[in-house]
C-alpha atoms as a PDB file:
ATOM      1  CA  MET A   1      -0.023  -0.032   0.011  1.00  0.00           C
ATOM      2  CA  GLN A   2       1.263   3.492  -0.903  1.00  0.00           C
ATOM      3  CA  ARG A   3       2.377   5.461   2.163  1.00  0.00           C
ATOM      4  CA  MET A   4       1.110   8.969   2.481  1.00  0.00           C
ATOM      5  CA  PHE A   5       2.188  11.914   4.549  1.00  0.00           C
ATOM      6  CA  THR A   6       0.669  15.412   5.260  1.00  0.00           C
ATOM      7  CA  GLY A   7       3.827  17.584   5.553  1.00  0.00           C
ATOM      8  CA  ILE A   8       3.155  18.334   9.194  1.00  0.00           C
ATOM      9  CA  ILE A   9       6.501  17.712  11.009  1.00  0.00           C
ATOM     10  CA  GLU A  10       6.232  15.705  14.287  1.00  0.00           C
ATOM     11  CA  SER A  11       9.831  15.902  15.446  1.00  0.00           C
ATOM     12  CA  LEU A  12      13.413  16.781  14.642  1.00  0.00           C
ATOM     13  CA  ALA A  13      16.009  14.051  14.508  1.00  0.00           C
ATOM     14  CA  GLU A  14      19.869  14.339  14.620  1.00  0.00           C
ATOM     15  CA  VAL A  15      22.138  12.306  12.403  1.00  0.00           C
ATOM     16  CA  VAL A  16      24.600  10.526  14.704  1.00  0.00           C
ATOM     17  CA  GLN A  17      26.168   7.993  12.384  1.00  0.00           C
ATOM     18  CA  ILE A  18      26.684   7.537   8.600  1.00  0.00           C
ATOM     19  CA  ARG A  19      27.841   4.247   7.229  1.00  0.00           C
ATOM     20  CA  HIS A  20      28.502   3.403   3.573  1.00  0.00           C
ATOM     21  CA  GLU A  21      27.902  -0.084   2.228  1.00  0.00           C
ATOM     22  CA  GLY A  22      28.492  -0.356  -1.521  1.00  0.00           C
ATOM     23  CA  SER A  23      26.253   2.254  -3.203  1.00  0.00           C
ATOM     24  CA  ASN A  24      23.972   2.378  -0.138  1.00  0.00           C
ATOM     25  CA  VAL A  25      24.260   4.683   2.799  1.00  0.00           C
ATOM     26  CA  HIS A  26      22.886   3.810   6.295  1.00  0.00           C
ATOM     27  CA  PHE A  27      21.918   6.746   8.520  1.00  0.00           C
ATOM     28  CA  THR A  28      21.386   6.433  12.229  1.00  0.00           C
ATOM     29  CA  LEU A  29      19.438   9.170  13.852  1.00  0.00           C
ATOM     30  CA  THR A  30      18.276  10.050  17.354  1.00  0.00           C
ATOM     31  CA  SER A  31      14.867  11.577  17.971  1.00  0.00           C
ATOM     32  CA  PRO A  32      11.933  11.605  20.435  1.00  0.00           C
ATOM     33  CA  LEU A  33      10.068   9.356  18.081  1.00  0.00           C
ATOM     34  CA  SER A  34      12.774   6.645  17.775  1.00  0.00           C
ATOM     35  CA  ALA A  35      11.818   4.692  20.968  1.00  0.00           C
ATOM     36  CA  GLY A  36       8.275   4.187  19.624  1.00  0.00           C
ATOM     37  CA  LEU A  37       9.244   3.033  16.084  1.00  0.00           C
ATOM     38  CA  LYS A  38       9.364  -0.491  14.761  1.00  0.00           C
ATOM     39  CA  ILE A  39      11.345  -2.326  12.020  1.00  0.00           C
ATOM     40  CA  ASP A  40       9.921  -1.844   8.560  1.00  0.00           C
ATOM     41  CA  GLN A  41       8.040   1.299   9.524  1.00  0.00           C
ATOM     42  CA  SER A  42       7.972   4.161   7.036  1.00  0.00           C
ATOM     43  CA  LEU A  43       8.978   7.696   7.925  1.00  0.00           C
ATOM     44  CA  ALA A  44       9.490  10.831   5.991  1.00  0.00           C
ATOM     45  CA  HIS A  45      12.988  12.257   6.700  1.00  0.00           C
ATOM     46  CA  ASP A  46      13.223  15.858   5.220  1.00  0.00           C
ATOM     47  CA  GLY A  47      10.510  14.714   2.907  1.00  0.00           C
ATOM     48  CA  VAL A  48      12.090  11.442   1.798  1.00  0.00           C
ATOM     49  CA  CYS A  49      10.098   8.256   2.615  1.00  0.00           C
ATOM     50  CA  LEU A  50      12.649   5.819   4.196  1.00  0.00           C
ATOM     51  CA  THR A  51      12.146   2.470   5.983  1.00  0.00           C
ATOM     52  CA  VAL A  52      13.411   1.769   9.475  1.00  0.00           C
ATOM     53  CA  VAL A  53      15.939  -1.146   9.265  1.00  0.00           C
ATOM     54  CA  ALA A  54      17.329  -1.057  12.789  1.00  0.00           C
ATOM     55  CA  LEU A  55      16.548   0.308  16.223  1.00  0.00           C
ATOM     56  CA  GLY A  56      18.646   1.413  19.268  1.00  0.00           C
ATOM     57  CA  GLU A  57      17.311   2.618  22.647  1.00  0.00           C
ATOM     58  CA  GLN A  58      16.768   6.159  21.373  1.00  0.00           C
ATOM     59  CA  SER A  59      17.786   5.846  17.771  1.00  0.00           C
ATOM     60  CA  HIS A  60      16.762   4.315  14.466  1.00  0.00           C
ATOM     61  CA  THR A  61      18.557   3.522  11.228  1.00  0.00           C
ATOM     62  CA  VAL A  62      17.455   3.958   7.688  1.00  0.00           C
ATOM     63  CA  THR A  63      19.015   3.094   4.323  1.00  0.00           C
ATOM     64  CA  ALA A  64      19.229   5.301   1.300  1.00  0.00           C
ATOM     65  CA  VAL A  65      19.856   3.492  -2.054  1.00  0.00           C
ATOM     66  CA  TYR A  66      21.821   5.077  -4.924  1.00  0.00           C
ATOM     67  CA  GLU A  67      18.681   6.418  -6.683  1.00  0.00           C
ATOM     68  CA  THR A  68      17.549   8.159  -3.558  1.00  0.00           C
ATOM     69  CA  LEU A  69      20.955   9.744  -3.045  1.00  0.00           C
ATOM     70  CA  GLN A  70      20.948  11.047  -6.580  1.00  0.00           C
ATOM     71  CA  LYS A  71      17.551  12.603  -6.469  1.00  0.00           C
ATOM     72  CA  THR A  72      17.570  14.075  -2.977  1.00  0.00           C
ATOM     73  CA  ASN A  73      20.014  16.066  -0.736  1.00  0.00           C
ATOM     74  CA  LEU A  74      20.792  13.032   1.493  1.00  0.00           C
ATOM     75  CA  GLY A  75      24.260  12.732   0.028  1.00  0.00           C
ATOM     76  CA  SER A  76      25.094  16.019   1.763  1.00  0.00           C
ATOM     77  CA  TRP A  77      23.925  14.944   5.177  1.00  0.00           C
ATOM     78  CA  HIS A  78      26.550  15.017   7.904  1.00  0.00           C
ATOM     79  CA  ILE A  79      26.918  14.111  11.560  1.00  0.00           C
ATOM     80  CA  GLY A  80      24.900  16.539  13.623  1.00  0.00           C
ATOM     81  CA  LYS A  81      22.462  17.485  10.805  1.00  0.00           C
ATOM     82  CA  LYS A  82      18.928  18.151  12.050  1.00  0.00           C
ATOM     83  CA  VAL A  83      16.269  16.325   9.970  1.00  0.00           C
ATOM     84  CA  ASN A  84      12.498  16.849   9.849  1.00  0.00           C
ATOM     85  CA  LEU A  85      10.528  13.673  10.746  1.00  0.00           C
ATOM     86  CA  GLU A  86       6.924  12.638  10.039  1.00  0.00           C
ATOM     87  CA  ARG A  87       5.348   9.174  10.396  1.00  0.00           C
ATOM     88  CA  ALA A  88       2.984   7.967   7.717  1.00  0.00           C
ATOM     89  CA  LEU A  89      -0.578   9.215   7.806  1.00  0.00           C
ATOM     90  CA  ARG A  90      -3.128   7.088   9.635  1.00  0.00           C
ATOM     91  CA  THR A  91      -6.456   6.535   7.856  1.00  0.00           C
ATOM     92  CA  ASP A  92      -8.409   8.038  10.789  1.00  0.00           C
ATOM     93  CA  ALA A  93      -6.226  11.161  11.136  1.00  0.00           C
ATOM     94  CA  ARG A  94      -7.021  14.753  10.137  1.00  0.00           C
ATOM     95  CA  LEU A  95      -5.312  16.059   7.033  1.00  0.00           C
ATOM     96  CA  ASP A  96      -3.802  19.305   8.321  1.00  0.00           C
ATOM     97  CA  GLY A  97      -1.348  19.815   5.533  1.00  0.00           C
ATOM     98  CA  HIS A  98      -1.723  18.344   2.024  1.00  0.00           C
ATOM     99  CA  PHE A  99      -1.181  14.916   0.488  1.00  0.00           C
ATOM    100  CA  VAL A 100       2.586  14.242   0.359  1.00  0.00           C
ATOM    101  CA  GLN A 101       4.003  10.964  -1.064  1.00  0.00           C
ATOM    102  CA  GLY A 102       7.492  11.157   0.282  1.00  0.00           C
ATOM    103  CA  HIS A 103       8.837  10.854  -3.267  1.00  0.00           C
ATOM    104  CA  VAL A 104      11.076  13.823  -3.753  1.00  0.00           C
ATOM    105  CA  ASP A 105      10.922  15.313  -7.258  1.00  0.00           C
ATOM    106  CA  GLY A 106      14.280  17.090  -7.070  1.00  0.00           C
ATOM    107  CA  VAL A 107      16.724  19.241  -5.115  1.00  0.00           C
ATOM    108  CA  GLY A 108      16.161  22.933  -4.903  1.00  0.00           C
ATOM    109  CA  ARG A 109      18.482  25.757  -3.773  1.00  0.00           C
ATOM    110  CA  CYS A 110      17.836  28.431  -1.194  1.00  0.00           C
ATOM    111  CA  GLU A 111      18.328  31.759  -2.894  1.00  0.00           C
ATOM    112  CA  ALA A 112      17.359  34.126  -0.016  1.00  0.00           C
ATOM    113  CA  VAL A 113      16.095  34.289   3.571  1.00  0.00           C
ATOM    114  CA  GLU A 114      14.365  37.518   4.456  1.00  0.00           C
ATOM    115  CA  PRO A 115      13.145  38.307   8.029  1.00  0.00           C
ATOM    116  CA  GLN A 116       9.685  39.980   7.835  1.00  0.00           C
ATOM    117  CA  ASN A 117       8.858  41.394  11.267  1.00  0.00           C
ATOM    118  CA  GLY A 118       8.358  38.172  13.079  1.00  0.00           C
ATOM    119  CA  SER A 119       8.131  35.772  10.157  1.00  0.00           C
ATOM    120  CA  TRP A 120      10.555  34.833   7.333  1.00  0.00           C
ATOM    121  CA  TYR A 121      10.352  34.742   3.622  1.00  0.00           C
ATOM    122  CA  TYR A 122      12.437  32.014   1.863  1.00  0.00           C
ATOM    123  CA  ARG A 123      13.101  31.998  -1.890  1.00  0.00           C
ATOM    124  CA  PHE A 124      13.992  28.736  -3.613  1.00  0.00           C
ATOM    125  CA  SER A 125      15.060  27.879  -7.157  1.00  0.00           C
ATOM    126  CA  PHE A 126      14.864  24.572  -8.984  1.00  0.00           C
ATOM    127  CA  THR A 127      15.525  23.091 -12.372  1.00  0.00           C
ATOM    128  CA  PRO A 128      12.473  23.534 -14.596  1.00  0.00           C
ATOM    129  CA  SER A 129      10.741  20.369 -15.717  1.00  0.00           C
ATOM    130  CA  PRO A 130       7.283  19.326 -17.102  1.00  0.00           C
ATOM    131  CA  GLN A 131       6.171  18.056 -13.686  1.00  0.00           C
ATOM    132  CA  ALA A 132       7.509  21.087 -11.776  1.00  0.00           C
ATOM    133  CA  LEU A 133       4.147  22.865 -11.594  1.00  0.00           C
ATOM    134  CA  VAL A 134       4.104  25.585  -8.932  1.00  0.00           C
ATOM    135  CA  VAL A 135       1.213  28.071  -8.641  1.00  0.00           C
ATOM    136  CA  GLN A 136       0.584  31.028  -6.324  1.00  0.00           C
ATOM    137  CA  LYS A 137      -1.342  29.933  -3.232  1.00  0.00           C
ATOM    138  CA  GLY A 138      -0.840  26.287  -4.131  1.00  0.00           C
ATOM    139  CA  SER A 139       0.825  23.664  -2.016  1.00  0.00           C
ATOM    140  CA  ILE A 140       4.413  22.493  -2.024  1.00  0.00           C
ATOM    141  CA  CYS A 141       6.580  20.373   0.235  1.00  0.00           C
ATOM    142  CA  VAL A 142      10.072  21.548   1.248  1.00  0.00           C
ATOM    143  CA  ASN A 143      12.218  19.271   3.395  1.00  0.00           C
ATOM    144  CA  GLY A 144       8.984  17.479   4.277  1.00  0.00           C
ATOM    145  CA  VAL A 145       7.150  20.629   5.405  1.00  0.00           C
ATOM    146  CA  SER A 146       3.687  21.368   3.811  1.00  0.00           C
ATOM    147  CA  LEU A 147       3.768  25.024   2.683  1.00  0.00           C
ATOM    148  CA  THR A 148       1.687  27.512   0.697  1.00  0.00           C
ATOM    149  CA  VAL A 149       3.384  29.125  -2.226  1.00  0.00           C
ATOM    150  CA  VAL A 150       3.549  32.928  -1.940  1.00  0.00           C
ATOM    151  CA  ASP A 151       4.692  33.536  -5.506  1.00  0.00           C
ATOM    152  CA  ALA A 152       5.944  31.263  -8.254  1.00  0.00           C
ATOM    153  CA  SER A 153       7.817  31.225 -11.578  1.00  0.00           C
ATOM    154  CA  GLU A 154       9.008  28.443 -13.852  1.00  0.00           C
ATOM    155  CA  SER A 155      12.157  27.962 -11.933  1.00  0.00           C
ATOM    156  CA  GLY A 156      11.436  29.159  -8.397  1.00  0.00           C
ATOM    157  CA  PHE A 157       9.020  30.057  -5.700  1.00  0.00           C
ATOM    158  CA  SER A 158       8.866  31.717  -2.286  1.00  0.00           C
ATOM    159  CA  VAL A 159       7.192  30.670   1.016  1.00  0.00           C
ATOM    160  CA  ALA A 160       6.439  32.465   4.239  1.00  0.00           C
ATOM    161  CA  ILE A 161       7.489  30.743   7.469  1.00  0.00           C
ATOM    162  CA  ILE A 162       5.720  31.497  10.716  1.00  0.00           C
ATOM    163  CA  PRO A 163       7.533  31.400  14.114  1.00  0.00           C
ATOM    164  CA  TYR A 164       6.171  27.953  15.085  1.00  0.00           C
ATOM    165  CA  THR A 165       7.335  26.334  11.832  1.00  0.00           C
ATOM    166  CA  TYR A 166      10.639  28.150  12.149  1.00  0.00           C
ATOM    167  CA  GLU A 167      11.257  26.775  15.646  1.00  0.00           C
ATOM    168  CA  HIS A 168       9.932  23.240  15.211  1.00  0.00           C
ATOM    169  CA  THR A 169      11.565  22.332  11.880  1.00  0.00           C
ATOM    170  CA  ASN A 170      15.036  22.621  10.354  1.00  0.00           C
ATOM    171  CA  PHE A 171      14.009  25.729   8.516  1.00  0.00           C
ATOM    172  CA  LYS A 172      15.863  27.776  11.134  1.00  0.00           C
ATOM    173  CA  ASN A 173      19.020  26.027   9.870  1.00  0.00           C
ATOM    174  CA  ILE A 174      18.517  26.734   6.190  1.00  0.00           C
ATOM    175  CA  GLN A 175      20.848  29.359   4.735  1.00  0.00           C
ATOM    176  CA  THR A 176      21.358  30.883   1.369  1.00  0.00           C
ATOM    177  CA  GLY A 177      23.013  28.373  -0.851  1.00  0.00           C
ATOM    178  CA  ASN A 178      21.751  25.307   1.033  1.00  0.00           C
ATOM    179  CA  SER A 179      20.050  22.445  -0.853  1.00  0.00           C
ATOM    180  CA  VAL A 180      16.495  21.274   0.029  1.00  0.00           C
ATOM    181  CA  ASN A 181      14.260  18.442  -1.024  1.00  0.00           C
ATOM    182  CA  ILE A 182      11.222  19.480  -3.038  1.00  0.00           C
ATOM    183  CA  GLU A 183       8.096  17.498  -3.739  1.00  0.00           C
ATOM    184  CA  PHE A 184       5.642  19.234  -6.061  1.00  0.00           C
ATOM    185  CA  ASP A 185       1.841  18.905  -5.377  1.00  0.00           C
ATOM    186  CA  ILE A 186       0.568  15.541  -6.556  1.00  0.00           C
ATOM    187  CA  ILE A 187      -2.506  17.083  -8.136  1.00  0.00           C
ATOM    188  CA  GLY A 188      -0.357  19.589 -10.060  1.00  0.00           C
ATOM    189  CA  LYS A 189       1.848  16.693 -11.302  1.00  0.00           C
ATOM    190  CA  TYR A 190      -1.169  14.745 -12.568  1.00  0.00           C
ATOM    191  CA  ILE A 191      -2.414  17.888 -14.390  1.00  0.00           C
ATOM    192  CA  ALA A 192       1.009  18.581 -15.912  1.00  0.00           C
ATOM    193  CA  ALA A 193       1.307  14.937 -17.003  1.00  0.00           C
ATOM    194  CA  LEU A 194      -2.207  15.039 -18.612  1.00  0.00           C
ATOM    195  CA  HIS A 195      -1.413  18.325 -20.400  1.00  0.00           C
ATOM    196  CA  GLN A 196       1.862  16.839 -21.706  1.00  0.00           C
ATOM    197  CA  ARG A 197       0.065  13.723 -23.004  1.00  0.00           C
ATOM    198  CA  GLN A 198      -2.634  15.779 -24.767  1.00  0.00           C
ATOM    199  CA  ARG A 199       0.063  17.819 -26.558  1.00  0.00           C
ATOM    200  CA  HIS A 200       1.501  14.614 -28.048  1.00  0.00           C
ATOM    201  CA  THR A 201      -1.897  13.151 -29.249  1.00  0.00           C
END
């Protein structure tokens, strides 16, 4: 069954160990959620759906395969990095964010961080593609966080971050030049794919 998320971050985790095995990378993280996890459980880590493969007393380990490392910013993770965590959506839960698959579409770049009298505006750029459909007031997922687009172009967008989100996610650690994981809205991707198909028929 397809795992779904909402983009509402539950906890921050810290990377405490990175182990390479062939083309795979095993990440061990500590978090308040780790003690309640189980093997084979799915969690979104900075928006990337990963499976728990091992557990410690207050830690859990996930594995990123080569394809995941190529399509996300996980290859730049380091010891001490803070990571946004969200467990998969329960069928009886409220949908407070938007439908997020945990399948990152690409890596974006932070172009600017602008304090705005108690909130922050972040500007991100990305490589244009047919599925990269971003619209003003639409939904987008950045590092696993469900956000509303303030303004958009073919190769970028901005979002407004309120104090609660700033303090309870790793947005407070994002600086100009940093890479982030971006998942475009699934509805927008279906519309873009349908439009592309119609153009070729």
